[in-house]
Amino acid sequence: MLTRIISAAVGIPVVLFFVYRGGLLYLGAVIVVSLLASIELCRILRRIGVVEMQIFIYVGAVLFPLLLSFEPSWLPNFLMLFILSGTIISLSKYPESTLTDLGANFFSILYVAFGFAHFVLLRQMEQGMLLVGYAFTLIWMTDIGAFFVGTYLGKRPFFTHISPNKTLEGALGGLVCGIAGGLVFCVIMNRLAPFNNMGFLIFLTPFLSIVGQFGDLFESSVKRLAKIKDSSQIIPGHGGILDRFDSALWVIPLLYHILQIRINIFS
């Protein structure tokens, strides 16, 4: 418990520093985290028995955030080119590499490289620093609520076939704390300076908190297939990069696209 708290006390200010600075420093941090997460996922795929295309996955982890940071409109084009190149690489490994292996490798690109690219895309939107800060606050408060309420008050099992320690009380505690965290963040930021999306974000907060918890469950299901508890031990008390950013890899891309849809409809 103490190790977990110390790691969070050190890690959260570091994350917020990069979010605040933005620019190339933030981009570089996202690329490093994306690459580390890809290394973890490749290890998991290997344990499951998938023939992983390491270079394909690692290159994607770097190129997706890098190229899309310069031109977000390249997203569909770049994704299609990467799918075609991945298919060619898979064919070169036939019959060792099967269609299942190809799907697992594409999943890796979409989940990690494509996911972390949205950390950059959201930061580049108008008031992007506040949007990313909101997303992390919501996610962290959901995690904190789920952990402490589940630990001390949790009784009824919840998705135990995926994660044995999950409880209904913990999930509800995470939802309540996530809503409170998102609301407080929006109100405080709006007092400091006009926060354009405040009302809309408050409306989205319960939904995004739930999505974040499903992101955590999804990563747990992948680890369960590999029969491991943590994706790595790089963060003391917390596990690996995927363990820490599992919720964010669902929440941040979803938030980005919801905001884009809203802009396109009302612009």
C-alpha atoms as a PDB file:
ATOM      1  CA  MET A   1       0.000   0.000   0.000  1.00  0.00           C
ATOM      2  CA  LEU A   2       2.767   2.476   1.008  1.00  0.00           C
ATOM      3  CA  THR A   3       4.746   1.731  -2.150  1.00  0.00           C
ATOM      4  CA  ARG A   4       1.644   2.293  -4.229  1.00  0.00           C
ATOM      5  CA  ILE A   5       0.982   5.670  -2.584  1.00  0.00           C
ATOM      6  CA  ILE A   6       4.603   6.815  -2.948  1.00  0.00           C
ATOM      7  CA  SER A   7       4.660   5.876  -6.631  1.00  0.00           C
ATOM      8  CA  ALA A   8       1.432   7.807  -7.201  1.00  0.00           C
ATOM      9  CA  ALA A   9       2.758  10.818  -5.273  1.00  0.00           C
ATOM     10  CA  VAL A  10       5.794  10.902  -7.554  1.00  0.00           C
ATOM     11  CA  GLY A  11       4.136   9.864 -10.806  1.00  0.00           C
ATOM     12  CA  ILE A  12       1.098  12.162 -10.828  1.00  0.00           C
ATOM     13  CA  PRO A  13       3.127  15.437 -10.670  1.00  0.00           C
ATOM     14  CA  VAL A  14       5.412  14.112 -13.410  1.00  0.00           C
ATOM     15  CA  VAL A  15       2.455  13.367 -15.685  1.00  0.00           C
ATOM     16  CA  LEU A  16       0.894  16.766 -14.965  1.00  0.00           C
ATOM     17  CA  PHE A  17       4.216  18.489 -15.702  1.00  0.00           C
ATOM     18  CA  PHE A  18       4.365  16.980 -19.188  1.00  0.00           C
ATOM     19  CA  VAL A  19       0.690  17.772 -19.804  1.00  0.00           C
ATOM     20  CA  TYR A  20       1.291  21.381 -18.736  1.00  0.00           C
ATOM     21  CA  ARG A  21       4.387  21.853 -20.892  1.00  0.00           C
ATOM     22  CA  GLY A  22       2.890  20.290 -24.002  1.00  0.00           C
ATOM     23  CA  GLY A  23       4.761  20.606 -27.284  1.00  0.00           C
ATOM     24  CA  LEU A  24       7.702  18.387 -28.169  1.00  0.00           C
ATOM     25  CA  LEU A  25       8.376  17.518 -24.522  1.00  0.00           C
ATOM     26  CA  TYR A  26       4.872  16.090 -24.131  1.00  0.00           C
ATOM     27  CA  LEU A  27       5.078  14.358 -27.515  1.00  0.00           C
ATOM     28  CA  GLY A  28       8.394  12.746 -26.562  1.00  0.00           C
ATOM     29  CA  ALA A  29       6.952  11.499 -23.262  1.00  0.00           C
ATOM     30  CA  VAL A  30       3.921  10.004 -25.024  1.00  0.00           C
ATOM     31  CA  ILE A  31       6.149   8.221 -27.563  1.00  0.00           C
ATOM     32  CA  VAL A  32       8.325   6.744 -24.795  1.00  0.00           C
ATOM     33  CA  VAL A  33       5.282   5.537 -22.861  1.00  0.00           C
ATOM     34  CA  SER A  34       3.715   4.156 -26.047  1.00  0.00           C
ATOM     35  CA  LEU A  35       6.893   2.210 -26.849  1.00  0.00           C
ATOM     36  CA  LEU A  36       7.178   0.809 -23.311  1.00  0.00           C
ATOM     37  CA  ALA A  37       3.519  -0.254 -23.391  1.00  0.00           C
ATOM     38  CA  SER A  38       4.111  -1.953 -26.757  1.00  0.00           C
ATOM     39  CA  ILE A  39       7.040  -3.901 -25.319  1.00  0.00           C
ATOM     40  CA  GLU A  40       4.797  -5.073 -22.474  1.00  0.00           C
ATOM     41  CA  LEU A  41       2.029  -6.064 -24.873  1.00  0.00           C
ATOM     42  CA  CYS A  42       4.435  -8.029 -27.056  1.00  0.00           C
ATOM     43  CA  ARG A  43       5.497 -10.019 -23.991  1.00  0.00           C
ATOM     44  CA  ILE A  44       1.851 -10.719 -23.200  1.00  0.00           C
ATOM     45  CA  LEU A  45       1.146 -11.835 -26.780  1.00  0.00           C
ATOM     46  CA  ARG A  46       4.159 -14.144 -26.624  1.00  0.00           C
ATOM     47  CA  ARG A  47       2.866 -15.742 -23.425  1.00  0.00           C
ATOM     48  CA  ILE A  48      -0.533 -16.263 -25.027  1.00  0.00           C
ATOM     49  CA  GLY A  49       1.140 -18.019 -27.954  1.00  0.00           C
ATOM     50  CA  VAL A  50       0.758 -15.327 -30.608  1.00  0.00           C
ATOM     51  CA  VAL A  51       3.469 -14.898 -33.248  1.00  0.00           C
ATOM     52  CA  GLU A  52       4.047 -11.212 -32.630  1.00  0.00           C
ATOM     53  CA  MET A  53       5.483  -8.803 -35.228  1.00  0.00           C
ATOM     54  CA  GLN A  54       7.681  -6.829 -32.849  1.00  0.00           C
ATOM     55  CA  ILE A  55       9.178  -4.354 -35.323  1.00  0.00           C
ATOM     56  CA  PHE A  56       5.744  -3.646 -36.798  1.00  0.00           C
ATOM     57  CA  ILE A  57       4.311  -2.950 -33.348  1.00  0.00           C
ATOM     58  CA  TYR A  58       7.295  -0.905 -32.124  1.00  0.00           C
ATOM     59  CA  VAL A  59       7.425   1.246 -35.261  1.00  0.00           C
ATOM     60  CA  GLY A  60       3.703   1.896 -34.932  1.00  0.00           C
ATOM     61  CA  ALA A  61       4.126   2.896 -31.288  1.00  0.00           C
ATOM     62  CA  VAL A  62       6.510   5.649 -32.392  1.00  0.00           C
ATOM     63  CA  LEU A  63       5.059   6.701 -35.737  1.00  0.00           C
ATOM     64  CA  PHE A  64       1.399   6.986 -34.796  1.00  0.00           C
ATOM     65  CA  PRO A  65       1.888   9.670 -32.100  1.00  0.00           C
ATOM     66  CA  LEU A  66       4.715  11.342 -34.049  1.00  0.00           C
ATOM     67  CA  LEU A  67       3.065  11.720 -37.455  1.00  0.00           C
ATOM     68  CA  LEU A  68      -0.437  12.454 -36.184  1.00  0.00           C
ATOM     69  CA  SER A  69       0.941  15.220 -33.965  1.00  0.00           C
ATOM     70  CA  PHE A  70       1.910  17.101 -37.136  1.00  0.00           C
ATOM     71  CA  GLU A  71      -1.226  16.362 -39.170  1.00  0.00           C
ATOM     72  CA  PRO A  72      -4.273  14.779 -37.444  1.00  0.00           C
ATOM     73  CA  SER A  73      -6.112  14.466 -40.762  1.00  0.00           C
ATOM     74  CA  TRP A  74      -3.618  11.753 -41.745  1.00  0.00           C
ATOM     75  CA  LEU A  75      -5.263   9.401 -39.242  1.00  0.00           C
ATOM     76  CA  PRO A  76      -7.423   7.293 -41.631  1.00  0.00           C
ATOM     77  CA  ASN A  77      -4.783   7.280 -44.397  1.00  0.00           C
ATOM     78  CA  PHE A  78      -1.945   6.294 -42.108  1.00  0.00           C
ATOM     79  CA  LEU A  79      -4.075   3.616 -40.454  1.00  0.00           C
ATOM     80  CA  MET A  80      -4.915   2.047 -43.822  1.00  0.00           C
ATOM     81  CA  LEU A  81      -1.274   2.046 -44.966  1.00  0.00           C
ATOM     82  CA  PHE A  82      -0.224   0.440 -41.702  1.00  0.00           C
ATOM     83  CA  ILE A  83      -2.868  -2.274 -42.025  1.00  0.00           C
ATOM     84  CA  LEU A  84      -1.686  -3.095 -45.554  1.00  0.00           C
ATOM     85  CA  SER A  85       1.979  -3.186 -44.527  1.00  0.00           C
ATOM     86  CA  GLY A  86       1.160  -5.389 -41.536  1.00  0.00           C
ATOM     87  CA  THR A  87      -0.718  -7.811 -43.784  1.00  0.00           C
ATOM     88  CA  ILE A  88       2.304  -8.069 -46.109  1.00  0.00           C
ATOM     89  CA  ILE A  89       4.617  -8.751 -43.156  1.00  0.00           C
ATOM     90  CA  SER A  90       2.238 -11.433 -41.911  1.00  0.00           C
ATOM     91  CA  LEU A  91       2.130 -13.081 -45.348  1.00  0.00           C
ATOM     92  CA  SER A  92       5.925 -13.230 -45.380  1.00  0.00           C
ATOM     93  CA  LYS A  93       5.753 -15.346 -42.192  1.00  0.00           C
ATOM     94  CA  TYR A  94       3.080 -17.732 -43.501  1.00  0.00           C
ATOM     95  CA  PRO A  95       2.313 -20.480 -42.410  1.00  0.00           C
ATOM     96  CA  GLU A  96       4.009 -19.770 -39.086  1.00  0.00           C
ATOM     97  CA  SER A  97       1.840 -16.681 -38.689  1.00  0.00           C
ATOM     98  CA  THR A  98      -1.910 -17.319 -38.884  1.00  0.00           C
ATOM     99  CA  LEU A  99      -4.917 -15.051 -39.357  1.00  0.00           C
ATOM    100  CA  THR A 100      -5.364 -15.083 -35.577  1.00  0.00           C
ATOM    101  CA  ASP A 101      -1.796 -13.836 -35.128  1.00  0.00           C
ATOM    102  CA  LEU A 102      -2.425 -11.093 -37.686  1.00  0.00           C
ATOM    103  CA  GLY A 103      -5.547  -9.984 -35.828  1.00  0.00           C
ATOM    104  CA  ALA A 104      -3.690  -9.935 -32.511  1.00  0.00           C
ATOM    105  CA  ASN A 105      -0.937  -7.763 -33.995  1.00  0.00           C
ATOM    106  CA  PHE A 106      -3.448  -5.344 -35.510  1.00  0.00           C
ATOM    107  CA  PHE A 107      -5.168  -5.201 -32.137  1.00  0.00           C
ATOM    108  CA  SER A 108      -1.828  -4.259 -30.564  1.00  0.00           C
ATOM    109  CA  ILE A 109      -1.419  -1.338 -32.954  1.00  0.00           C
ATOM    110  CA  LEU A 110      -4.969  -0.100 -32.445  1.00  0.00           C
ATOM    111  CA  TYR A 111      -4.901  -0.535 -28.690  1.00  0.00           C
ATOM    112  CA  VAL A 112      -1.504   0.949 -27.876  1.00  0.00           C
ATOM    113  CA  ALA A 113      -0.085   3.031 -30.759  1.00  0.00           C
ATOM    114  CA  PHE A 114      -3.455   4.321 -31.969  1.00  0.00           C
ATOM    115  CA  GLY A 115      -4.573   4.819 -28.365  1.00  0.00           C
ATOM    116  CA  PHE A 116      -1.548   6.818 -27.233  1.00  0.00           C
ATOM    117  CA  ALA A 117      -1.660   8.923 -30.421  1.00  0.00           C
ATOM    118  CA  HIS A 118      -4.936  10.312 -29.070  1.00  0.00           C
ATOM    119  CA  PHE A 119      -3.110  11.617 -25.998  1.00  0.00           C
ATOM    120  CA  VAL A 120      -1.342  13.968 -28.410  1.00  0.00           C
ATOM    121  CA  LEU A 121      -4.434  14.722 -30.496  1.00  0.00           C
ATOM    122  CA  LEU A 122      -6.497  15.668 -27.424  1.00  0.00           C
ATOM    123  CA  ARG A 123      -3.672  17.889 -26.106  1.00  0.00           C
ATOM    124  CA  GLN A 124      -3.575  19.751 -29.439  1.00  0.00           C
ATOM    125  CA  MET A 125      -7.256  20.670 -29.349  1.00  0.00           C
ATOM    126  CA  GLU A 126      -8.404  24.077 -28.146  1.00  0.00           C
ATOM    127  CA  GLN A 127      -7.846  24.148 -24.359  1.00  0.00           C
ATOM    128  CA  GLY A 128      -6.164  20.764 -24.793  1.00  0.00           C
ATOM    129  CA  MET A 129      -4.199  21.059 -21.570  1.00  0.00           C
ATOM    130  CA  LEU A 130      -7.450  21.342 -19.614  1.00  0.00           C
ATOM    131  CA  LEU A 131      -9.049  18.481 -21.566  1.00  0.00           C
ATOM    132  CA  VAL A 132      -6.170  16.095 -20.867  1.00  0.00           C
ATOM    133  CA  GLY A 133      -6.044  17.271 -17.247  1.00  0.00           C
ATOM    134  CA  TYR A 134      -9.774  16.616 -16.926  1.00  0.00           C
ATOM    135  CA  ALA A 135      -9.409  13.124 -18.398  1.00  0.00           C
ATOM    136  CA  PHE A 136      -6.580  12.150 -16.055  1.00  0.00           C
ATOM    137  CA  THR A 137      -8.355  13.624 -13.016  1.00  0.00           C
ATOM    138  CA  LEU A 138     -11.496  11.658 -13.836  1.00  0.00           C
ATOM    139  CA  ILE A 139      -9.508   8.438 -14.378  1.00  0.00           C
ATOM    140  CA  TRP A 140      -7.369   8.806 -11.262  1.00  0.00           C
ATOM    141  CA  MET A 141     -10.326   9.615  -9.031  1.00  0.00           C
ATOM    142  CA  THR A 142     -12.223   6.634 -10.433  1.00  0.00           C
ATOM    143  CA  ASP A 143      -9.229   4.381  -9.714  1.00  0.00           C
ATOM    144  CA  ILE A 144      -8.798   5.775  -6.201  1.00  0.00           C
ATOM    145  CA  GLY A 145     -12.483   5.384  -5.358  1.00  0.00           C
ATOM    146  CA  ALA A 146     -12.649   1.860  -6.766  1.00  0.00           C
ATOM    147  CA  PHE A 147      -9.497   0.784  -4.930  1.00  0.00           C
ATOM    148  CA  PHE A 148     -10.318   2.106  -1.465  1.00  0.00           C
ATOM    149  CA  VAL A 149     -14.057   1.425  -1.482  1.00  0.00           C
ATOM    150  CA  GLY A 150     -13.459  -2.032  -2.936  1.00  0.00           C
ATOM    151  CA  THR A 151     -10.707  -2.782  -0.409  1.00  0.00           C
ATOM    152  CA  TYR A 152     -12.563  -1.710   2.723  1.00  0.00           C
ATOM    153  CA  LEU A 153     -16.245  -2.043   1.812  1.00  0.00           C
ATOM    154  CA  GLY A 154     -16.309  -4.465  -1.097  1.00  0.00           C
ATOM    155  CA  LYS A 155     -18.457  -7.578  -0.558  1.00  0.00           C
ATOM    156  CA  ARG A 156     -20.345  -8.448  -3.741  1.00  0.00           C
ATOM    157  CA  PRO A 157     -18.202  -9.920  -6.557  1.00  0.00           C
ATOM    158  CA  PHE A 158     -18.207  -8.044  -9.851  1.00  0.00           C
ATOM    159  CA  PHE A 159     -16.686  -9.460 -13.075  1.00  0.00           C
ATOM    160  CA  THR A 160     -14.675 -11.924 -10.986  1.00  0.00           C
ATOM    161  CA  HIS A 161     -14.203 -14.185 -14.023  1.00  0.00           C
ATOM    162  CA  ILE A 162     -11.937 -11.417 -15.328  1.00  0.00           C
ATOM    163  CA  SER A 163     -10.521  -9.900 -12.144  1.00  0.00           C
ATOM    164  CA  PRO A 164     -11.065 -11.858  -8.905  1.00  0.00           C
ATOM    165  CA  ASN A 165     -10.718  -8.786  -6.653  1.00  0.00           C
ATOM    166  CA  LYS A 166     -13.350  -6.619  -8.348  1.00  0.00           C
ATOM    167  CA  THR A 167     -16.474  -5.832  -6.343  1.00  0.00           C
ATOM    168  CA  LEU A 168     -19.716  -4.033  -7.117  1.00  0.00           C
ATOM    169  CA  GLU A 169     -19.090  -1.653  -4.218  1.00  0.00           C
ATOM    170  CA  GLY A 170     -15.672  -0.814  -5.634  1.00  0.00           C
ATOM    171  CA  ALA A 171     -17.124  -0.087  -9.073  1.00  0.00           C
ATOM    172  CA  LEU A 172     -19.800   2.183  -7.601  1.00  0.00           C
ATOM    173  CA  GLY A 173     -17.232   3.880  -5.373  1.00  0.00           C
ATOM    174  CA  GLY A 174     -15.084   4.504  -8.439  1.00  0.00           C
ATOM    175  CA  LEU A 175     -18.054   5.956 -10.310  1.00  0.00           C
ATOM    176  CA  VAL A 176     -18.970   8.331  -7.473  1.00  0.00           C
ATOM    177  CA  CYS A 177     -15.373   9.497  -6.984  1.00  0.00           C
ATOM    178  CA  GLY A 178     -14.883   9.857 -10.740  1.00  0.00           C
ATOM    179  CA  ILE A 179     -17.980  12.040 -11.023  1.00  0.00           C
ATOM    180  CA  ALA A 180     -16.865  14.132  -8.041  1.00  0.00           C
ATOM    181  CA  GLY A 181     -13.333  14.506  -9.428  1.00  0.00           C
ATOM    182  CA  GLY A 182     -14.533  15.527 -12.879  1.00  0.00           C
ATOM    183  CA  LEU A 183     -17.058  17.990 -11.457  1.00  0.00           C
ATOM    184  CA  VAL A 184     -14.572  19.631  -9.075  1.00  0.00           C
ATOM    185  CA  PHE A 185     -11.938  19.903 -11.819  1.00  0.00           C
ATOM    186  CA  CYS A 186     -14.368  21.575 -14.219  1.00  0.00           C
ATOM    187  CA  VAL A 187     -15.662  24.036 -11.630  1.00  0.00           C
ATOM    188  CA  ILE A 188     -12.178  25.021 -10.404  1.00  0.00           C
ATOM    189  CA  MET A 189     -10.754  25.424 -13.918  1.00  0.00           C
ATOM    190  CA  ASN A 190     -13.765  27.478 -14.993  1.00  0.00           C
ATOM    191  CA  ARG A 191     -13.199  29.839 -12.064  1.00  0.00           C
ATOM    192  CA  LEU A 192      -9.586  30.362 -13.116  1.00  0.00           C
ATOM    193  CA  ALA A 193     -10.427  30.903 -16.788  1.00  0.00           C
ATOM    194  CA  PRO A 194     -13.464  30.248 -19.031  1.00  0.00           C
ATOM    195  CA  PHE A 195     -13.612  26.505 -19.696  1.00  0.00           C
ATOM    196  CA  ASN A 196     -15.411  26.176 -23.035  1.00  0.00           C
ATOM    197  CA  ASN A 197     -16.539  22.579 -22.638  1.00  0.00           C
ATOM    198  CA  MET A 198     -17.373  22.637 -18.934  1.00  0.00           C
ATOM    199  CA  GLY A 199     -21.089  21.840 -19.148  1.00  0.00           C
ATOM    200  CA  PHE A 200     -20.623  19.168 -21.788  1.00  0.00           C
ATOM    201  CA  LEU A 201     -17.778  17.501 -19.870  1.00  0.00           C
ATOM    202  CA  ILE A 202     -19.812  17.422 -16.666  1.00  0.00           C
ATOM    203  CA  PHE A 203     -22.552  15.698 -18.654  1.00  0.00           C
ATOM    204  CA  LEU A 204     -20.032  13.153 -20.021  1.00  0.00           C
ATOM    205  CA  THR A 205     -18.298  12.462 -16.701  1.00  0.00           C
ATOM    206  CA  PRO A 206     -20.420   9.496 -15.473  1.00  0.00           C
ATOM    207  CA  PHE A 207     -20.213   7.823 -18.877  1.00  0.00           C
ATOM    208  CA  LEU A 208     -16.432   8.298 -19.144  1.00  0.00           C
ATOM    209  CA  SER A 209     -15.909   7.020 -15.600  1.00  0.00           C
ATOM    210  CA  ILE A 210     -17.748   3.810 -16.505  1.00  0.00           C
ATOM    211  CA  VAL A 211     -15.798   3.515 -19.765  1.00  0.00           C
ATOM    212  CA  GLY A 212     -12.556   3.860 -17.809  1.00  0.00           C
ATOM    213  CA  GLN A 213     -13.525   0.955 -15.574  1.00  0.00           C
ATOM    214  CA  PHE A 214     -14.247  -1.188 -18.605  1.00  0.00           C
ATOM    215  CA  GLY A 215     -10.834  -0.223 -19.960  1.00  0.00           C
ATOM    216  CA  ASP A 216      -9.330  -1.597 -16.763  1.00  0.00           C
ATOM    217  CA  LEU A 217     -11.381  -4.797 -17.078  1.00  0.00           C
ATOM    218  CA  PHE A 218     -10.347  -5.213 -20.692  1.00  0.00           C
ATOM    219  CA  GLU A 219      -6.644  -5.065 -19.857  1.00  0.00           C
ATOM    220  CA  SER A 220      -7.250  -7.495 -16.980  1.00  0.00           C
ATOM    221  CA  SER A 221      -8.862  -9.930 -19.415  1.00  0.00           C
ATOM    222  CA  VAL A 222      -5.804  -9.783 -21.694  1.00  0.00           C
ATOM    223  CA  LYS A 223      -3.481 -10.435 -18.740  1.00  0.00           C
ATOM    224  CA  ARG A 224      -5.707 -13.287 -17.604  1.00  0.00           C
ATOM    225  CA  LEU A 225      -5.226 -14.980 -20.978  1.00  0.00           C
ATOM    226  CA  ALA A 226      -1.473 -14.716 -20.435  1.00  0.00           C
ATOM    227  CA  LYS A 227      -1.839 -15.887 -16.798  1.00  0.00           C
ATOM    228  CA  ILE A 228       0.011 -12.866 -15.356  1.00  0.00           C
ATOM    229  CA  LYS A 229      -0.960 -10.368 -12.663  1.00  0.00           C
ATOM    230  CA  ASP A 230       0.835  -7.269 -13.993  1.00  0.00           C
ATOM    231  CA  SER A 231       2.011  -6.246 -17.451  1.00  0.00           C
ATOM    232  CA  SER A 232       5.456  -5.526 -15.942  1.00  0.00           C
ATOM    233  CA  GLN A 233       7.030  -4.214 -12.731  1.00  0.00           C
ATOM    234  CA  ILE A 234       8.292  -0.891 -14.054  1.00  0.00           C
ATOM    235  CA  ILE A 235       6.134   1.165 -11.643  1.00  0.00           C
ATOM    236  CA  PRO A 236       6.585   0.010  -8.021  1.00  0.00           C
ATOM    237  CA  GLY A 237       3.272  -0.932  -6.440  1.00  0.00           C
ATOM    238  CA  HIS A 238       1.320  -0.403  -9.649  1.00  0.00           C
ATOM    239  CA  GLY A 239       2.762  -2.838 -12.174  1.00  0.00           C
ATOM    240  CA  GLY A 240       3.415  -1.803 -15.741  1.00  0.00           C
ATOM    241  CA  ILE A 241       2.620   1.006 -18.147  1.00  0.00           C
ATOM    242  CA  LEU A 242      -0.465  -0.827 -19.428  1.00  0.00           C
ATOM    243  CA  ASP A 243      -1.655  -1.314 -15.848  1.00  0.00           C
ATOM    244  CA  ARG A 244      -1.506   2.437 -15.249  1.00  0.00           C
ATOM    245  CA  PHE A 245      -2.855   3.647 -18.580  1.00  0.00           C
ATOM    246  CA  ASP A 246      -5.452   0.950 -19.267  1.00  0.00           C
ATOM    247  CA  SER A 247      -8.378   3.248 -18.478  1.00  0.00           C
ATOM    248  CA  ALA A 248      -6.830   6.217 -20.265  1.00  0.00           C
ATOM    249  CA  LEU A 249      -6.418   4.161 -23.452  1.00  0.00           C
ATOM    250  CA  TRP A 250     -10.213   3.955 -23.587  1.00  0.00           C
ATOM    251  CA  VAL A 251     -11.246   7.299 -22.114  1.00  0.00           C
ATOM    252  CA  ILE A 252      -8.933   9.695 -23.974  1.00  0.00           C
ATOM    253  CA  PRO A 253      -9.579   8.398 -27.534  1.00  0.00           C
ATOM    254  CA  LEU A 254     -13.321   8.295 -26.846  1.00  0.00           C
ATOM    255  CA  LEU A 255     -13.314  11.815 -25.397  1.00  0.00           C
ATOM    256  CA  TYR A 256     -11.366  13.117 -28.394  1.00  0.00           C
ATOM    257  CA  HIS A 257     -13.778  11.668 -30.944  1.00  0.00           C
ATOM    258  CA  ILE A 258     -16.883  12.740 -29.015  1.00  0.00           C
ATOM    259  CA  LEU A 259     -15.559  16.308 -28.962  1.00  0.00           C
ATOM    260  CA  GLN A 260     -14.699  16.115 -32.659  1.00  0.00           C
ATOM    261  CA  ILE A 261     -18.216  14.920 -33.487  1.00  0.00           C
ATOM    262  CA  ARG A 262     -19.674  17.753 -31.404  1.00  0.00           C
ATOM    263  CA  ILE A 263     -17.469  20.295 -33.173  1.00  0.00           C
ATOM    264  CA  ASN A 264     -18.429  18.958 -36.612  1.00  0.00           C
ATOM    265  CA  ILE A 265     -22.135  19.025 -35.794  1.00  0.00           C
ATOM    266  CA  PHE A 266     -22.278  22.500 -34.225  1.00  0.00           C
ATOM    267  CA  SER A 267     -19.550  24.301 -36.162  1.00  0.00           C
END
